[in-house]
Each structure stands twice: as C-alpha cells, then as structure tokens.
Amino acid sequence: MTRFDPPTEADDRDDTLRDHLRSALDSAEHPTTSFHIRQALQLLDVE
C-alpha cells in the first residue's frame, strides 16, 4: 500500500510549471521549441 503525502509547496510549483509548459507547447510555432518543451515536461515527470 502506498502512503499518501499531502502536496507540498514544491509540488504546487511543479504543477504550475507543468501548466505553463503545456500552454507554451500549445502555442509553439517551431518544431524544435516543441521538442524542448516536451523534454522539460518529461524531466518533471521523472521522480
């Protein structure tokens, strides 16, 4: 069974950063920009 830990301030910042990156990905006009934004999102998901 997994223990539930309440969200921390760092978790909130990560969520905010993810939201900003997803928004930027939606408006990215260049494929290289999209690639780098996707890489940043993947790095945030590695824990």
PDB file of N, CA and C in Angstrom:
ATOM      1  N   MET A   1       0.848  -1.179   0.000  1.00  0.00           N
ATOM      2  CA  MET A   1       0.000   0.000   0.000  1.00  0.00           C
ATOM      3  C   MET A   1       0.896   1.246   0.000  1.00  0.00           C
ATOM      4  N   THR A   2       0.483   2.233  -0.727  1.00  0.00           N
ATOM      5  CA  THR A   2       1.242   3.475  -0.840  1.00  0.00           C
ATOM      6  C   THR A   2       0.748   4.482   0.189  1.00  0.00           C
ATOM      7  N   ARG A   3       1.714   5.117   0.829  1.00  0.00           N
ATOM      8  CA  ARG A   3       1.366   6.151   1.807  1.00  0.00           C
ATOM      9  C   ARG A   3       1.052   7.447   1.078  1.00  0.00           C
ATOM     10  N   PHE A   4      -0.003   8.108   1.487  1.00  0.00           N
ATOM     11  CA  PHE A   4      -0.374   9.387   0.878  1.00  0.00           C
ATOM     12  C   PHE A   4       0.302  10.520   1.614  1.00  0.00           C
ATOM     13  N   ASP A   5       1.063  11.310   0.864  1.00  0.00           N
ATOM     14  CA  ASP A   5       1.675  12.509   1.417  1.00  0.00           C
ATOM     15  C   ASP A   5       0.954  13.711   0.823  1.00  0.00           C
ATOM     16  N   PRO A   6       0.527  14.640   1.678  1.00  0.00           N
ATOM     17  CA  PRO A   6      -0.154  15.821   1.147  1.00  0.00           C
ATOM     18  C   PRO A   6       0.779  16.615   0.240  1.00  0.00           C
ATOM     19  N   PRO A   7       0.213  17.322  -0.726  1.00  0.00           N
ATOM     20  CA  PRO A   7       1.037  18.127  -1.635  1.00  0.00           C
ATOM     21  C   PRO A   7       1.858  19.158  -0.865  1.00  0.00           C
ATOM     22  N   THR A   8       3.056  19.367  -1.332  1.00  0.00           N
ATOM     23  CA  THR A   8       3.930  20.361  -0.716  1.00  0.00           C
ATOM     24  C   THR A   8       3.989  21.601  -1.597  1.00  0.00           C
ATOM     25  N   GLU A   9       4.653  22.616  -1.103  1.00  0.00           N
ATOM     26  CA  GLU A   9       4.817  23.843  -1.888  1.00  0.00           C
ATOM     27  C   GLU A   9       5.588  23.557  -3.177  1.00  0.00           C
ATOM     28  N   ALA A  10       6.577  22.651  -3.085  1.00  0.00           N
ATOM     29  CA  ALA A  10       7.345  22.276  -4.280  1.00  0.00           C
ATOM     30  C   ALA A  10       6.453  21.578  -5.298  1.00  0.00           C
ATOM     31  N   ASP A  11       5.535  20.729  -4.838  1.00  0.00           N
ATOM     32  CA  ASP A  11       4.599  20.063  -5.752  1.00  0.00           C
ATOM     33  C   ASP A  11       3.738  21.095  -6.471  1.00  0.00           C
ATOM     34  N   ASP A  12       3.294  22.096  -5.731  1.00  0.00           N
ATOM     35  CA  ASP A  12       2.478  23.156  -6.333  1.00  0.00           C
ATOM     36  C   ASP A  12       3.258  23.909  -7.408  1.00  0.00           C
ATOM     37  N   ARG A  13       4.538  24.179  -7.126  1.00  0.00           N
ATOM     38  CA  ARG A  13       5.379  24.868  -8.117  1.00  0.00           C
ATOM     39  C   ARG A  13       5.556  24.000  -9.360  1.00  0.00           C
ATOM     40  N   ASP A  14       5.779  22.693  -9.148  1.00  0.00           N
ATOM     41  CA  ASP A  14       5.924  21.789 -10.294  1.00  0.00           C
ATOM     42  C   ASP A  14       4.650  21.766 -11.131  1.00  0.00           C
ATOM     43  N   ASP A  15       3.502  21.726 -10.483  1.00  0.00           N
ATOM     44  CA  ASP A  15       2.231  21.727 -11.207  1.00  0.00           C
ATOM     45  C   ASP A  15       2.055  23.012 -12.006  1.00  0.00           C
ATOM     46  N   THR A  16       2.428  24.140 -11.400  1.00  0.00           N
ATOM     47  CA  THR A  16       2.338  25.428 -12.084  1.00  0.00           C
ATOM     48  C   THR A  16       3.275  25.453 -13.288  1.00  0.00           C
ATOM     49  N   LEU A  17       4.476  24.938 -13.104  1.00  0.00           N
ATOM     50  CA  LEU A  17       5.440  24.890 -14.203  1.00  0.00           C
ATOM     51  C   LEU A  17       4.921  23.995 -15.330  1.00  0.00           C
ATOM     52  N   ARG A  18       4.353  22.847 -14.984  1.00  0.00           N
ATOM     53  CA  ARG A  18       3.773  21.960 -15.994  1.00  0.00           C
ATOM     54  C   ARG A  18       2.666  22.678 -16.777  1.00  0.00           C
ATOM     55  N   ASP A  19       1.818  23.401 -16.064  1.00  0.00           N
ATOM     56  CA  ASP A  19       0.730  24.137 -16.724  1.00  0.00           C
ATOM     57  C   ASP A  19       1.284  25.163 -17.712  1.00  0.00           C
ATOM     58  N   HIS A  20       2.325  25.884 -17.293  1.00  0.00           N
ATOM     59  CA  HIS A  20       2.928  26.894 -18.167  1.00  0.00           C
ATOM     60  C   HIS A  20       3.580  26.236 -19.383  1.00  0.00           C
ATOM     61  N   LEU A  21       4.265  25.109 -19.148  1.00  0.00           N
ATOM     62  CA  LEU A  21       4.908  24.423 -20.265  1.00  0.00           C
ATOM     63  C   LEU A  21       3.887  23.865 -21.246  1.00  0.00           C
ATOM     64  N   ARG A  22       2.791  23.305 -20.731  1.00  0.00           N
ATOM     65  CA  ARG A  22       1.744  22.783 -21.627  1.00  0.00           C
ATOM     66  C   ARG A  22       1.114  23.910 -22.448  1.00  0.00           C
ATOM     67  N   SER A  23       0.937  25.044 -21.816  1.00  0.00           N
ATOM     68  CA  SER A  23       0.394  26.201 -22.527  1.00  0.00           C
ATOM     69  C   SER A  23       1.368  26.653 -23.623  1.00  0.00           C
ATOM     70  N   ALA A  24       2.648  26.678 -23.288  1.00  0.00           N
ATOM     71  CA  ALA A  24       3.660  27.059 -24.271  1.00  0.00           C
ATOM     72  C   ALA A  24       3.715  26.046 -25.409  1.00  0.00           C
ATOM     73  N   LEU A  25       3.539  24.777 -25.079  1.00  0.00           N
ATOM     74  CA  LEU A  25       3.554  23.738 -26.108  1.00  0.00           C
ATOM     75  C   LEU A  25       2.403  23.924 -27.086  1.00  0.00           C
ATOM     76  N   ASP A  26       1.252  24.307 -26.566  1.00  0.00           N
ATOM     77  CA  ASP A  26       0.088  24.541 -27.422  1.00  0.00           C
ATOM     78  C   ASP A  26       0.318  25.686 -28.408  1.00  0.00           C
ATOM     79  N   SER A  27       1.124  26.669 -28.011  1.00  0.00           N
ATOM     80  CA  SER A  27       1.327  27.829 -28.874  1.00  0.00           C
ATOM     81  C   SER A  27       2.688  27.828 -29.578  1.00  0.00           C
ATOM     82  N   ALA A  28       3.469  26.762 -29.384  1.00  0.00           N
ATOM     83  CA  ALA A  28       4.796  26.701 -30.017  1.00  0.00           C
ATOM     84  C   ALA A  28       4.642  26.638 -31.535  1.00  0.00           C
ATOM     85  N   GLU A  29       5.411  27.469 -32.210  1.00  0.00           N
ATOM     86  CA  GLU A  29       5.309  27.530 -33.668  1.00  0.00           C
ATOM     87  C   GLU A  29       6.438  26.785 -34.363  1.00  0.00           C
ATOM     88  N   HIS A  30       7.487  26.454 -33.644  1.00  0.00           N
ATOM     89  CA  HIS A  30       8.639  25.810 -34.266  1.00  0.00           C
ATOM     90  C   HIS A  30       8.806  24.401 -33.696  1.00  0.00           C
ATOM     91  N   PRO A  31       9.068  23.394 -34.531  1.00  0.00           N
ATOM     92  CA  PRO A  31       9.207  22.022 -34.053  1.00  0.00           C
ATOM     93  C   PRO A  31      10.296  21.847 -32.984  1.00  0.00           C
ATOM     94  N   THR A  32      11.384  22.592 -33.108  1.00  0.00           N
ATOM     95  CA  THR A  32      12.456  22.477 -32.118  1.00  0.00           C
ATOM     96  C   THR A  32      11.978  22.968 -30.759  1.00  0.00           C
ATOM     97  N   THR A  33      11.202  24.022 -30.749  1.00  0.00           N
ATOM     98  CA  THR A  33      10.654  24.543 -29.497  1.00  0.00           C
ATOM     99  C   THR A  33       9.748  23.503 -28.850  1.00  0.00           C
ATOM    100  N   SER A  34       8.894  22.895 -29.636  1.00  0.00           N
ATOM    101  CA  SER A  34       8.000  21.850 -29.124  1.00  0.00           C
ATOM    102  C   SER A  34       8.803  20.695 -28.537  1.00  0.00           C
ATOM    103  N   PHE A  35       9.865  20.305 -29.222  1.00  0.00           N
ATOM    104  CA  PHE A  35      10.713  19.215 -28.755  1.00  0.00           C
ATOM    105  C   PHE A  35      11.292  19.518 -27.374  1.00  0.00           C
ATOM    106  N   HIS A  36      11.825  20.726 -27.214  1.00  0.00           N
ATOM    107  CA  HIS A  36      12.449  21.092 -25.941  1.00  0.00           C
ATOM    108  C   HIS A  36      11.421  21.210 -24.817  1.00  0.00           C
ATOM    109  N   ILE A  37      10.254  21.698 -25.133  1.00  0.00           N
ATOM    110  CA  ILE A  37       9.197  21.789 -24.114  1.00  0.00           C
ATOM    111  C   ILE A  37       8.782  20.383 -23.680  1.00  0.00           C
ATOM    112  N   ARG A  38       8.645  19.461 -24.655  1.00  0.00           N
ATOM    113  CA  ARG A  38       8.296  18.069 -24.295  1.00  0.00           C
ATOM    114  C   ARG A  38       9.372  17.438 -23.424  1.00  0.00           C
ATOM    115  N   GLN A  39      10.640  17.727 -23.718  1.00  0.00           N
ATOM    116  CA  GLN A  39      11.731  17.196 -22.903  1.00  0.00           C
ATOM    117  C   GLN A  39      11.638  17.730 -21.472  1.00  0.00           C
ATOM    118  N   ALA A  40      11.346  19.002 -21.318  1.00  0.00           N
ATOM    119  CA  ALA A  40      11.213  19.592 -19.988  1.00  0.00           C
ATOM    120  C   ALA A  40      10.066  18.944 -19.222  1.00  0.00           C
ATOM    121  N   LEU A  41       8.949  18.691 -19.901  1.00  0.00           N
ATOM    122  CA  LEU A  41       7.816  18.030 -19.249  1.00  0.00           C
ATOM    123  C   LEU A  41       8.185  16.616 -18.812  1.00  0.00           C
ATOM    124  N   GLN A  42       8.939  15.905 -19.646  1.00  0.00           N
ATOM    125  CA  GLN A  42       9.361  14.550 -19.278  1.00  0.00           C
ATOM    126  C   GLN A  42      10.276  14.575 -18.061  1.00  0.00           C
ATOM    127  N   LEU A  43      11.177  15.551 -17.999  1.00  0.00           N
ATOM    128  CA  LEU A  43      12.077  15.654 -16.851  1.00  0.00           C
ATOM    129  C   LEU A  43      11.307  15.927 -15.563  1.00  0.00           C
ATOM    130  N   LEU A  44      10.247  16.712 -15.653  1.00  0.00           N
ATOM    131  CA  LEU A  44       9.434  16.981 -14.471  1.00  0.00           C
ATOM    132  C   LEU A  44       8.716  15.725 -13.983  1.00  0.00           C
ATOM    133  N   ASP A  45       8.396  14.825 -14.919  1.00  0.00           N
ATOM    134  CA  ASP A  45       7.665  13.615 -14.550  1.00  0.00           C
ATOM    135  C   ASP A  45       8.565  12.515 -14.009  1.00  0.00           C
ATOM    136  N   VAL A  46       9.879  12.678 -14.118  1.00  0.00           N
ATOM    137  CA  VAL A  46      10.813  11.689 -13.574  1.00  0.00           C
ATOM    138  C   VAL A  46      10.996  11.978 -12.090  1.00  0.00           C
ATOM    139  N   GLU A  47      10.631  11.021 -11.279  1.00  0.00           N
ATOM    140  CA  GLU A  47      10.774  11.232  -9.832  1.00  0.00           C
ATOM    141  C   GLU A  47      11.368  10.027  -9.174  1.00  0.00           C
TER     142      GLU A  47
END
